[in-house]
Protein backbone atom coordinates (compact mmCIF):
# COMPACT_ATOMS: atom_id res chain seq x y z
CA MET A 1 127.08 4.70 -155.38
CA THR A 2 130.94 4.57 -154.34
CA GLU A 3 132.97 6.95 -152.50
CA PRO A 4 135.22 8.01 -154.53
CA LEU A 5 138.02 7.13 -152.94
CA SER A 6 137.02 3.53 -152.76
CA ALA A 7 138.21 2.53 -155.92
CA ILE A 8 141.25 3.66 -155.29
CA VAL A 9 141.71 1.76 -152.25
CA LEU A 10 140.54 -1.29 -153.49
CA VAL A 11 142.98 -1.00 -156.57
CA THR A 12 145.81 -0.39 -154.36
CA LEU A 13 144.85 -3.57 -152.08
CA ALA A 14 144.58 -5.65 -154.55
CA ILE A 15 148.02 -4.85 -156.18
CA GLN A 16 150.58 -5.17 -153.18
CA GLU A 17 151.65 -8.15 -154.22
CA PHE A 18 153.05 -6.98 -157.61
CA VAL A 19 154.11 -3.39 -156.66
CA LYS A 20 157.33 -3.72 -154.76
CA SER A 21 156.93 -2.56 -151.70
CA GLY A 22 159.12 -4.34 -149.01
CA THR A 23 157.12 -7.70 -147.49
CA GLY A 24 157.76 -6.91 -144.01
CA ASP A 25 155.85 -3.61 -144.43
CA LEU A 26 153.31 -5.35 -146.30
CA ALA A 27 152.81 -7.74 -142.96
CA LYS A 28 152.82 -4.62 -140.92
CA ARG A 29 150.30 -2.94 -142.04
CA PHE A 30 147.84 -6.65 -142.73
CA THR A 31 147.02 -9.23 -140.79
CA ALA A 32 147.34 -12.60 -142.10
CA GLU A 33 144.08 -13.43 -143.14
CA ALA A 34 144.23 -10.18 -144.73
CA VAL A 35 146.93 -10.64 -146.99
CA ALA A 36 145.82 -13.82 -147.93
CA LYS A 37 142.58 -12.19 -149.68
CA ILE A 38 145.00 -9.94 -151.81
CA PRO A 39 144.81 -12.30 -154.43
CA VAL A 40 141.79 -13.07 -154.64
CA LEU A 41 140.24 -9.48 -154.16
CA TRP A 42 143.10 -8.64 -157.36
CA GLY A 43 141.71 -11.65 -159.46
CA LYS A 44 138.12 -10.54 -159.03
CA ILE A 45 139.07 -7.00 -160.23
CA ARG A 46 141.16 -8.58 -163.12
CA ASP A 47 138.41 -11.09 -164.77
CA ARG A 48 136.16 -7.92 -164.43
CA LEU A 49 138.15 -5.59 -166.13
CA THR A 50 139.84 -8.02 -168.47
CA GLY A 51 138.30 -7.49 -172.09
CA LYS A 52 136.82 -4.17 -171.58
CA SER A 53 139.43 -2.48 -173.69
CA LEU A 54 142.90 -2.72 -174.96
CA LYS A 55 144.16 -0.09 -172.72
CA VAL A 56 142.57 -1.82 -169.71
CA ASN A 57 144.00 -4.99 -170.87
CA GLU A 58 147.56 -2.92 -170.70
CA ALA A 59 146.91 -1.64 -167.83
CA LEU A 60 146.62 -4.82 -166.39
CA ALA A 61 149.52 -6.16 -167.43
CA LYS A 62 151.46 -3.59 -166.11
CA LEU A 63 150.33 -3.76 -162.44
CA GLU A 64 151.21 -7.33 -162.91
CA SER A 65 154.47 -6.66 -163.78
CA GLY A 66 154.57 -3.86 -160.97
CA ASP A 67 154.44 -0.93 -162.72
CA SER A 68 152.09 1.09 -160.69
CA THR A 69 151.58 4.06 -163.43
CA ALA A 70 148.37 1.98 -164.76
CA ILE A 71 146.44 2.68 -161.34
CA GLU A 72 144.06 5.51 -162.93
CA THR A 73 143.41 3.71 -165.57
CA ILE A 74 142.40 0.59 -163.66
CA THR A 75 140.69 2.58 -160.73
CA LYS A 76 138.84 4.90 -163.20
CA ASN A 77 136.89 2.16 -164.99
CA LEU A 78 136.93 -0.08 -162.04
CA ASP A 79 134.79 2.51 -160.32
CA VAL A 80 132.45 2.74 -163.27
CA ILE A 81 131.70 -0.95 -162.55
CA LEU A 82 131.46 -0.21 -159.23
CA ASP A 83 128.79 2.10 -159.27
CA GLU A 84 126.70 -0.08 -161.91
CA ASP A 85 127.13 -2.78 -159.73
CA SER A 86 126.52 -3.08 -156.24
CA LEU A 87 126.59 -6.52 -155.95
CA PHE A 88 130.31 -6.83 -157.08
CA ALA A 89 131.01 -3.76 -155.20
CA GLU A 90 129.59 -5.64 -151.93
CA GLU A 91 131.79 -8.26 -153.21
CA LEU A 92 135.00 -6.58 -153.18
CA ARG A 93 133.91 -4.25 -150.11
CA ILE A 94 134.01 -7.45 -147.76
CA LEU A 95 137.35 -9.15 -149.48
CA GLY A 96 139.33 -5.61 -148.93
């Protein structure tokens, strides 16, 4: 089972390129290799959640437009998937 903060950490990592934080701050916190994995991580999360519901699709669109208010919706849905699919959870953990 996934720890409660794991999903939020994964979502927060995955949306870094969309959130309006300074590029310099991002570079300070992550290595170049980690930064390169962010789009891959987000793509896997987005692909897995797309089509789950209209609310989730809207939340995905909000995040991709830089609106971080949808993090909670995405995190809740991702948390369920991570609990149900240990292989997917491990794949994201390795990327994150």
